[in-house]
């Protein structure tokens, strides 16, 4: 009986090591090999009809549409690892006709490391209790202050 329990516990522990794959963004439909269009012929409407809504539209240039696809692998409690990433950018002119297409993959991306520096500020650093009880017993401004008596 104990042996059966150990076998079941071992199988459950190994199952936690299975990698999980996630796909995000635009997924090619059956028969599609790539996102493509004809510059000068295709318009925003035709691209919308072929591929649907874009994943992103340019913030400062609404004539740039981006279709994103990313695949991640996660194992147990570790950070997800990006396996593939592709971005196809459609650029349109002011009349809505496509000017050009750009494709980017994982190698084209830049690694951005976040900075953990803190900006120093003036003043005293308060602990939890000082922040919680700091104003107990303090009167609001203007109450209890001696001032000129009315009519003098």
N, C-alpha and C. Protein backbone atom coordinates (compact mmCIF):
# COMPACT_ATOMS: atom_id res chain seq x y z
N UNK A 1 0.82 -1.19 0.00
CA UNK A 1 0.00 0.00 0.00
C UNK A 1 0.87 1.26 0.00
N UNK A 2 1.92 1.25 0.84
CA UNK A 2 2.82 2.40 0.91
C UNK A 2 3.54 2.61 -0.41
N UNK A 3 3.88 1.49 -1.06
CA UNK A 3 4.56 1.57 -2.36
C UNK A 3 3.67 2.22 -3.42
N UNK A 4 2.38 1.87 -3.41
CA UNK A 4 1.42 2.47 -4.34
C UNK A 4 1.31 3.98 -4.09
N UNK A 5 1.29 4.37 -2.83
CA UNK A 5 1.23 5.80 -2.49
C UNK A 5 2.46 6.53 -3.02
N UNK A 6 3.65 5.96 -2.87
CA UNK A 6 4.87 6.58 -3.37
C UNK A 6 4.86 6.70 -4.89
N UNK A 7 4.34 5.71 -5.58
CA UNK A 7 4.28 5.75 -7.03
C UNK A 7 3.34 6.87 -7.48
N UNK A 8 2.18 6.95 -6.85
CA UNK A 8 1.21 8.00 -7.20
C UNK A 8 1.79 9.38 -6.91
N UNK A 9 2.45 9.54 -5.76
CA UNK A 9 3.06 10.83 -5.41
C UNK A 9 4.17 11.18 -6.40
N UNK A 10 4.95 10.21 -6.84
CA UNK A 10 6.01 10.46 -7.82
C UNK A 10 5.45 10.89 -9.17
N UNK A 11 4.38 10.23 -9.62
CA UNK A 11 3.76 10.59 -10.90
C UNK A 11 3.19 12.01 -10.83
N UNK A 12 2.54 12.36 -9.71
CA UNK A 12 2.01 13.72 -9.56
C UNK A 12 3.12 14.76 -9.50
N UNK A 13 4.25 14.43 -8.85
CA UNK A 13 5.37 15.37 -8.79
C UNK A 13 5.99 15.58 -10.17
N UNK A 14 6.10 14.52 -10.96
CA UNK A 14 6.64 14.66 -12.32
C UNK A 14 5.71 15.45 -13.23
N UNK A 15 4.41 15.36 -12.96
CA UNK A 15 3.45 16.08 -13.79
C UNK A 15 3.62 17.59 -13.63
N UNK A 16 4.12 18.05 -12.49
CA UNK A 16 4.34 19.49 -12.28
C UNK A 16 5.48 20.01 -13.15
N UNK A 17 6.33 19.13 -13.68
CA UNK A 17 7.46 19.55 -14.50
C UNK A 17 7.10 19.65 -15.98
N UNK A 18 5.87 19.38 -16.35
CA UNK A 18 5.45 19.46 -17.74
C UNK A 18 5.45 20.92 -18.17
N UNK A 19 5.99 21.17 -19.35
CA UNK A 19 6.00 22.55 -19.83
C UNK A 19 4.66 22.90 -20.46
N UNK A 20 4.27 24.15 -20.27
CA UNK A 20 3.02 24.66 -20.81
C UNK A 20 3.36 25.67 -21.89
N UNK A 21 2.71 25.52 -23.04
CA UNK A 21 2.96 26.43 -24.16
C UNK A 21 1.75 27.33 -24.35
N UNK A 22 2.01 28.62 -24.51
CA UNK A 22 0.95 29.61 -24.73
C UNK A 22 1.23 30.38 -26.00
N UNK A 23 0.19 30.63 -26.77
CA UNK A 23 0.28 31.47 -27.96
C UNK A 23 -0.56 32.71 -27.72
N UNK A 24 0.00 33.86 -28.08
CA UNK A 24 -0.70 35.13 -27.92
C UNK A 24 -0.69 35.88 -29.24
N UNK A 25 -1.72 36.67 -29.46
CA UNK A 25 -1.74 37.53 -30.63
C UNK A 25 -2.39 36.87 -31.83
N UNK A 26 -2.02 37.33 -33.00
CA UNK A 26 -2.61 36.87 -34.25
C UNK A 26 -2.11 35.48 -34.60
N UNK A 27 -3.03 34.58 -34.92
CA UNK A 27 -2.68 33.22 -35.32
C UNK A 27 -3.09 33.05 -36.77
N UNK A 28 -2.15 32.56 -37.59
CA UNK A 28 -2.45 32.34 -39.00
C UNK A 28 -3.54 31.29 -39.14
N UNK A 29 -4.43 31.52 -40.08
CA UNK A 29 -5.51 30.58 -40.33
C UNK A 29 -5.02 29.48 -41.27
N UNK A 30 -5.82 28.43 -41.42
CA UNK A 30 -5.44 27.34 -42.31
C UNK A 30 -5.23 27.86 -43.72
N UNK A 31 -4.14 27.45 -44.31
CA UNK A 31 -3.83 27.86 -45.67
C UNK A 31 -2.99 29.13 -45.74
N UNK A 32 -2.92 29.88 -44.63
CA UNK A 32 -2.09 31.09 -44.63
C UNK A 32 -0.67 30.71 -44.24
N UNK A 33 0.28 31.26 -44.96
CA UNK A 33 1.68 31.03 -44.62
C UNK A 33 2.32 32.28 -44.04
N UNK A 34 1.77 33.43 -44.39
CA UNK A 34 2.30 34.69 -43.88
C UNK A 34 1.25 35.79 -44.05
N UNK A 35 1.47 36.89 -43.37
CA UNK A 35 0.64 38.07 -43.56
C UNK A 35 1.26 38.88 -44.68
N UNK A 36 0.52 39.08 -45.74
CA UNK A 36 1.09 39.78 -46.89
C UNK A 36 0.02 40.64 -47.54
N UNK A 37 0.49 41.60 -48.30
CA UNK A 37 -0.38 42.49 -49.04
C UNK A 37 0.40 43.14 -50.16
N UNK A 38 -0.30 43.81 -51.04
CA UNK A 38 0.33 44.49 -52.16
C UNK A 38 0.40 45.98 -51.90
N UNK A 39 1.60 46.53 -51.73
CA UNK A 39 1.71 47.98 -51.56
C UNK A 39 1.11 48.72 -52.76
N UNK A 40 0.32 49.74 -52.48
CA UNK A 40 -0.32 50.52 -53.53
C UNK A 40 -1.67 49.97 -53.96
N UNK A 41 -1.92 48.69 -53.74
CA UNK A 41 -3.20 48.08 -54.12
C UNK A 41 -4.10 47.84 -52.91
N UNK A 42 -3.53 47.30 -51.85
CA UNK A 42 -4.33 47.01 -50.66
C UNK A 42 -4.57 48.28 -49.86
N UNK A 43 -5.73 48.32 -49.23
CA UNK A 43 -6.09 49.47 -48.39
C UNK A 43 -6.35 48.97 -46.97
N UNK A 44 -6.67 49.90 -46.09
CA UNK A 44 -7.00 49.52 -44.72
C UNK A 44 -8.18 48.56 -44.69
N UNK A 45 -9.17 48.81 -45.53
CA UNK A 45 -10.36 47.96 -45.57
C UNK A 45 -10.03 46.55 -46.04
N UNK A 46 -9.17 46.42 -47.07
CA UNK A 46 -8.83 45.09 -47.57
C UNK A 46 -7.98 44.31 -46.57
N UNK A 47 -7.07 44.99 -45.88
CA UNK A 47 -6.26 44.32 -44.85
C UNK A 47 -7.15 43.90 -43.69
N UNK A 48 -8.09 44.75 -43.33
CA UNK A 48 -9.04 44.43 -42.27
C UNK A 48 -9.89 43.23 -42.64
N UNK A 49 -10.31 43.15 -43.91
CA UNK A 49 -11.10 42.01 -44.37
C UNK A 49 -10.28 40.72 -44.41
N UNK A 50 -8.99 40.81 -44.78
CA UNK A 50 -8.14 39.61 -44.88
C UNK A 50 -7.74 39.08 -43.51
N UNK A 51 -7.29 40.00 -42.61
CA UNK A 51 -6.64 39.56 -41.38
C UNK A 51 -7.38 39.95 -40.11
N UNK A 52 -8.42 40.75 -40.21
CA UNK A 52 -9.16 41.16 -39.03
C UNK A 52 -8.49 42.35 -38.35
N UNK A 53 -8.99 42.65 -37.14
CA UNK A 53 -8.46 43.79 -36.39
C UNK A 53 -6.98 43.58 -36.06
N UNK A 54 -6.18 44.63 -36.15
CA UNK A 54 -4.76 44.49 -35.79
C UNK A 54 -4.58 44.33 -34.28
N UNK A 55 -3.47 43.74 -33.89
CA UNK A 55 -3.17 43.61 -32.46
C UNK A 55 -2.94 44.98 -31.84
N UNK A 56 -2.29 45.87 -32.57
CA UNK A 56 -2.00 47.22 -32.07
C UNK A 56 -2.08 48.20 -33.24
N UNK A 57 -2.45 49.43 -32.90
CA UNK A 57 -2.41 50.53 -33.86
C UNK A 57 -1.45 51.55 -33.28
N UNK A 58 -0.64 52.17 -34.12
CA UNK A 58 0.36 53.11 -33.64
C UNK A 58 -0.24 54.22 -32.79
N UNK A 59 0.41 54.54 -31.69
CA UNK A 59 -0.08 55.57 -30.79
C UNK A 59 0.02 56.95 -31.43
N UNK A 60 1.15 57.26 -32.01
CA UNK A 60 1.36 58.57 -32.60
C UNK A 60 1.10 58.59 -34.09
N UNK A 61 1.04 57.43 -34.70
CA UNK A 61 0.78 57.32 -36.13
C UNK A 61 -0.29 56.26 -36.33
N UNK A 62 -1.53 56.68 -36.49
CA UNK A 62 -2.62 55.71 -36.63
C UNK A 62 -2.62 55.03 -38.00
N UNK A 63 -1.71 55.41 -38.87
CA UNK A 63 -1.56 54.75 -40.17
C UNK A 63 -0.58 53.59 -40.11
N UNK A 64 -0.20 53.16 -38.92
CA UNK A 64 0.66 51.99 -38.76
C UNK A 64 -0.11 50.94 -37.96
N UNK A 65 -0.31 49.77 -38.57
CA UNK A 65 -1.02 48.67 -37.92
C UNK A 65 -0.03 47.54 -37.68
N UNK A 66 -0.12 46.93 -36.50
CA UNK A 66 0.81 45.88 -36.11
C UNK A 66 0.04 44.60 -35.77
N UNK A 67 0.47 43.50 -36.35
CA UNK A 67 -0.07 42.18 -36.04
C UNK A 67 1.02 41.41 -35.30
N UNK A 68 0.76 41.03 -34.07
CA UNK A 68 1.74 40.41 -33.19
C UNK A 68 1.39 38.95 -32.97
N UNK A 69 2.40 38.09 -32.92
CA UNK A 69 2.24 36.70 -32.55
C UNK A 69 3.43 36.31 -31.69
N UNK A 70 3.16 35.71 -30.52
CA UNK A 70 4.23 35.29 -29.62
C UNK A 70 3.89 33.93 -29.03
N UNK A 71 4.91 33.09 -28.87
CA UNK A 71 4.76 31.77 -28.24
C UNK A 71 5.68 31.71 -27.04
N UNK A 72 5.13 31.33 -25.90
CA UNK A 72 5.89 31.23 -24.65
C UNK A 72 5.83 29.80 -24.12
N UNK A 73 6.87 29.42 -23.40
CA UNK A 73 6.91 28.12 -22.72
C UNK A 73 7.16 28.38 -21.25
N UNK A 74 6.36 27.74 -20.40
CA UNK A 74 6.52 27.86 -18.96
C UNK A 74 6.68 26.47 -18.37
N UNK A 75 7.63 26.32 -17.47
CA UNK A 75 7.83 25.05 -16.79
C UNK A 75 7.73 25.29 -15.29
N UNK A 76 6.78 24.62 -14.67
CA UNK A 76 6.54 24.69 -13.22
C UNK A 76 6.40 26.15 -12.79
N UNK A 77 7.23 26.59 -11.87
CA UNK A 77 7.11 27.94 -11.31
C UNK A 77 8.15 28.91 -11.88
N UNK A 78 8.89 28.51 -12.89
CA UNK A 78 9.92 29.36 -13.47
C UNK A 78 9.31 30.44 -14.36
N UNK A 79 10.11 31.45 -14.69
CA UNK A 79 9.66 32.52 -15.58
C UNK A 79 9.34 31.95 -16.95
N UNK A 80 8.33 32.50 -17.62
CA UNK A 80 8.07 32.05 -18.99
C UNK A 80 9.23 32.41 -19.92
N UNK A 81 9.49 31.54 -20.86
CA UNK A 81 10.55 31.78 -21.84
C UNK A 81 9.91 31.98 -23.20
N UNK A 82 10.26 33.08 -23.86
CA UNK A 82 9.71 33.39 -25.17
C UNK A 82 10.40 32.51 -26.21
N UNK A 83 9.61 31.70 -26.92
CA UNK A 83 10.18 30.83 -27.95
C UNK A 83 10.23 31.55 -29.28
N UNK A 84 9.12 32.13 -29.68
CA UNK A 84 9.07 32.85 -30.96
C UNK A 84 8.25 34.12 -30.78
N UNK A 85 8.59 35.12 -31.56
CA UNK A 85 7.81 36.35 -31.61
C UNK A 85 7.94 36.92 -33.01
N UNK A 86 6.82 37.30 -33.57
CA UNK A 86 6.85 37.94 -34.89
C UNK A 86 5.86 39.10 -34.88
N UNK A 87 6.29 40.18 -35.50
CA UNK A 87 5.46 41.37 -35.64
C UNK A 87 5.48 41.75 -37.12
N UNK A 88 4.28 41.91 -37.68
CA UNK A 88 4.16 42.37 -39.06
C UNK A 88 3.51 43.75 -39.00
N UNK A 89 4.19 44.74 -39.57
CA UNK A 89 3.72 46.13 -39.54
C UNK A 89 3.27 46.54 -40.94
N UNK A 90 2.03 46.99 -41.02
CA UNK A 90 1.49 47.54 -42.26
C UNK A 90 1.47 49.05 -42.12
N UNK A 91 2.08 49.76 -43.07
CA UNK A 91 2.11 51.22 -43.04
C UNK A 91 1.25 51.75 -44.19
N UNK A 92 0.35 52.67 -43.85
CA UNK A 92 -0.59 53.22 -44.83
C UNK A 92 -0.31 54.70 -45.03
N UNK A 93 -0.69 55.21 -46.21
CA UNK A 93 -0.58 56.65 -46.45
C UNK A 93 -1.85 57.34 -45.96
N UNK A 94 -1.96 58.64 -46.17
CA UNK A 94 -3.10 59.40 -45.66
C UNK A 94 -4.41 59.03 -46.35
N UNK A 95 -4.35 58.47 -47.55
CA UNK A 95 -5.57 58.04 -48.26
C UNK A 95 -6.00 56.64 -47.85
N UNK A 96 -5.19 55.94 -47.06
CA UNK A 96 -5.55 54.60 -46.61
C UNK A 96 -4.98 53.48 -47.44
N UNK A 97 -4.11 53.78 -48.42
CA UNK A 97 -3.46 52.74 -49.22
C UNK A 97 -2.16 52.32 -48.56
N UNK A 98 -1.86 51.02 -48.67
CA UNK A 98 -0.66 50.49 -48.04
C UNK A 98 0.59 50.98 -48.76
N UNK A 99 1.54 51.50 -47.98
CA UNK A 99 2.83 51.95 -48.54
C UNK A 99 3.87 50.85 -48.49
N UNK A 100 3.97 50.18 -47.32
CA UNK A 100 5.00 49.15 -47.17
C UNK A 100 4.64 48.20 -46.03
N UNK A 101 5.34 47.07 -46.02
CA UNK A 101 5.17 46.06 -44.96
C UNK A 101 6.54 45.82 -44.35
N UNK A 102 6.58 45.73 -43.03
CA UNK A 102 7.82 45.38 -42.33
C UNK A 102 7.55 44.16 -41.46
N UNK A 103 8.55 43.29 -41.36
CA UNK A 103 8.44 42.10 -40.51
C UNK A 103 9.59 42.10 -39.52
N UNK A 104 9.26 41.78 -38.28
CA UNK A 104 10.25 41.71 -37.21
C UNK A 104 10.09 40.37 -36.51
N UNK A 105 11.22 39.83 -36.02
CA UNK A 105 11.13 38.59 -35.24
C UNK A 105 11.83 38.79 -33.90
N UNK A 106 12.01 37.72 -33.17
CA UNK A 106 12.57 37.78 -31.83
C UNK A 106 13.98 38.36 -31.83
N UNK A 107 14.75 38.10 -32.87
CA UNK A 107 16.13 38.61 -32.94
C UNK A 107 16.17 40.13 -33.13
N UNK A 108 15.10 40.70 -33.68
CA UNK A 108 15.06 42.15 -33.90
C UNK A 108 14.73 42.94 -32.64
N UNK A 109 14.23 42.26 -31.62
CA UNK A 109 13.85 42.94 -30.39
C UNK A 109 15.05 43.29 -29.53
N UNK A 110 14.92 44.33 -28.75
CA UNK A 110 15.97 44.74 -27.81
C UNK A 110 15.56 44.35 -26.41
N UNK A 111 16.53 43.90 -25.64
CA UNK A 111 16.28 43.59 -24.24
C UNK A 111 16.33 44.88 -23.44
N UNK A 112 15.28 45.16 -22.71
CA UNK A 112 15.21 46.37 -21.89
C UNK A 112 15.27 45.94 -20.44
N UNK A 113 16.32 46.35 -19.75
CA UNK A 113 16.42 46.02 -18.33
C UNK A 113 15.89 47.19 -17.53
N UNK A 114 15.06 46.88 -16.57
CA UNK A 114 14.47 47.92 -15.76
C UNK A 114 15.46 48.42 -14.73
N UNK A 115 15.41 49.69 -14.44
CA UNK A 115 16.31 50.31 -13.47
C UNK A 115 15.61 50.34 -12.13
N UNK A 116 16.30 49.92 -11.09
CA UNK A 116 15.66 49.87 -9.77
C UNK A 116 16.12 51.01 -8.87
N UNK A 117 16.70 52.05 -9.46
CA UNK A 117 17.13 53.18 -8.64
C UNK A 117 15.93 53.91 -8.09
N UNK A 118 16.14 54.59 -6.95
CA UNK A 118 15.09 55.39 -6.35
C UNK A 118 15.50 56.85 -6.39
N UNK A 119 14.53 57.70 -6.57
CA UNK A 119 14.80 59.13 -6.56
C UNK A 119 14.80 59.62 -5.12
N UNK A 120 15.90 60.22 -4.66
CA UNK A 120 15.92 60.69 -3.28
C UNK A 120 15.00 61.90 -3.11
N UNK A 121 14.35 61.96 -1.98
CA UNK A 121 13.48 63.08 -1.68
C UNK A 121 13.89 63.70 -0.35
N UNK A 122 13.52 64.95 -0.17
CA UNK A 122 13.83 65.62 1.08
C UNK A 122 12.82 65.21 2.14
N UNK A 123 13.20 65.37 3.37
CA UNK A 123 12.27 65.08 4.46
C UNK A 123 12.65 63.84 5.21
N UNK A 124 11.81 63.51 6.17
CA UNK A 124 12.06 62.38 7.05
C UNK A 124 11.33 61.15 6.50
N UNK A 125 11.98 60.01 6.59
CA UNK A 125 11.35 58.78 6.17
C UNK A 125 10.60 58.21 7.36
N UNK A 126 9.30 58.04 7.22
CA UNK A 126 8.45 57.59 8.32
C UNK A 126 8.25 56.09 8.26
N UNK A 127 8.20 55.46 9.45
CA UNK A 127 7.89 54.04 9.47
C UNK A 127 6.38 53.87 9.48
N UNK A 128 5.91 52.64 9.54
CA UNK A 128 4.49 52.35 9.46
C UNK A 128 3.70 53.05 10.55
N UNK A 129 4.15 52.94 11.80
CA UNK A 129 3.41 53.51 12.93
C UNK A 129 3.41 55.03 12.88
N UNK A 130 4.50 55.63 12.47
CA UNK A 130 4.55 57.10 12.36
C UNK A 130 3.58 57.60 11.29
N UNK A 131 3.47 56.85 10.20
CA UNK A 131 2.52 57.23 9.16
C UNK A 131 1.08 57.06 9.64
N UNK A 132 0.83 55.97 10.38
CA UNK A 132 -0.53 55.68 10.82
C UNK A 132 -0.99 56.64 11.91
N UNK A 133 -0.12 56.93 12.87
CA UNK A 133 -0.51 57.72 14.03
C UNK A 133 0.08 59.12 14.04
N UNK A 134 0.69 59.54 12.98
CA UNK A 134 1.41 60.82 12.94
C UNK A 134 0.54 62.04 13.17
N UNK A 135 -0.70 62.02 12.76
CA UNK A 135 -1.55 63.20 12.88
C UNK A 135 -2.52 63.12 14.05
N UNK A 136 -2.41 62.08 14.87
CA UNK A 136 -3.31 61.97 16.02
C UNK A 136 -3.00 63.10 17.00
N UNK A 137 -4.03 63.84 17.39
CA UNK A 137 -3.85 64.94 18.34
C UNK A 137 -3.49 66.25 17.69
N UNK A 138 -3.25 66.28 16.40
CA UNK A 138 -2.93 67.52 15.70
C UNK A 138 -4.23 68.22 15.32
N UNK A 139 -4.26 69.51 15.47
CA UNK A 139 -5.43 70.29 15.08
C UNK A 139 -5.26 70.77 13.66
N UNK A 140 -6.37 70.87 12.92
CA UNK A 140 -6.27 71.41 11.57
C UNK A 140 -5.79 72.86 11.59
N UNK A 141 -5.22 73.32 10.49
CA UNK A 141 -4.69 74.67 10.40
C UNK A 141 -5.80 75.69 10.66
N UNK A 142 -5.50 76.70 11.47
CA UNK A 142 -6.44 77.78 11.73
C UNK A 142 -7.25 77.59 13.00
N UNK A 143 -7.33 76.37 13.51
CA UNK A 143 -8.10 76.15 14.74
C UNK A 143 -7.15 76.23 15.93
N UNK A 144 -7.54 77.01 16.91
CA UNK A 144 -6.74 77.13 18.13
C UNK A 144 -5.65 78.15 18.02
N UNK A 145 -5.56 78.88 16.93
CA UNK A 145 -4.52 79.91 16.81
C UNK A 145 -5.07 81.24 17.29
N UNK A 146 -4.25 81.98 17.96
CA UNK A 146 -4.62 83.31 18.43
C UNK A 146 -4.58 84.25 17.24
N UNK A 147 -5.59 85.04 17.07
CA UNK A 147 -5.60 85.98 15.97
C UNK A 147 -6.24 87.27 16.42
N UNK A 148 -6.34 88.22 15.54
CA UNK A 148 -6.97 89.49 15.93
C UNK A 148 -8.43 89.28 16.29
N UNK A 149 -8.87 89.97 17.30
CA UNK A 149 -10.24 89.88 17.76
C UNK A 149 -11.11 90.73 16.85
N UNK A 150 -12.28 90.26 16.46
CA UNK A 150 -13.11 91.06 15.57
C UNK A 150 -13.53 92.37 16.24
N UNK A 151 -13.54 93.42 15.52
CA UNK A 151 -13.95 94.72 16.01
C UNK A 151 -12.83 95.54 16.58
N UNK A 152 -11.63 95.09 16.58
CA UNK A 152 -10.52 95.87 17.14
C UNK A 152 -9.76 96.56 16.05
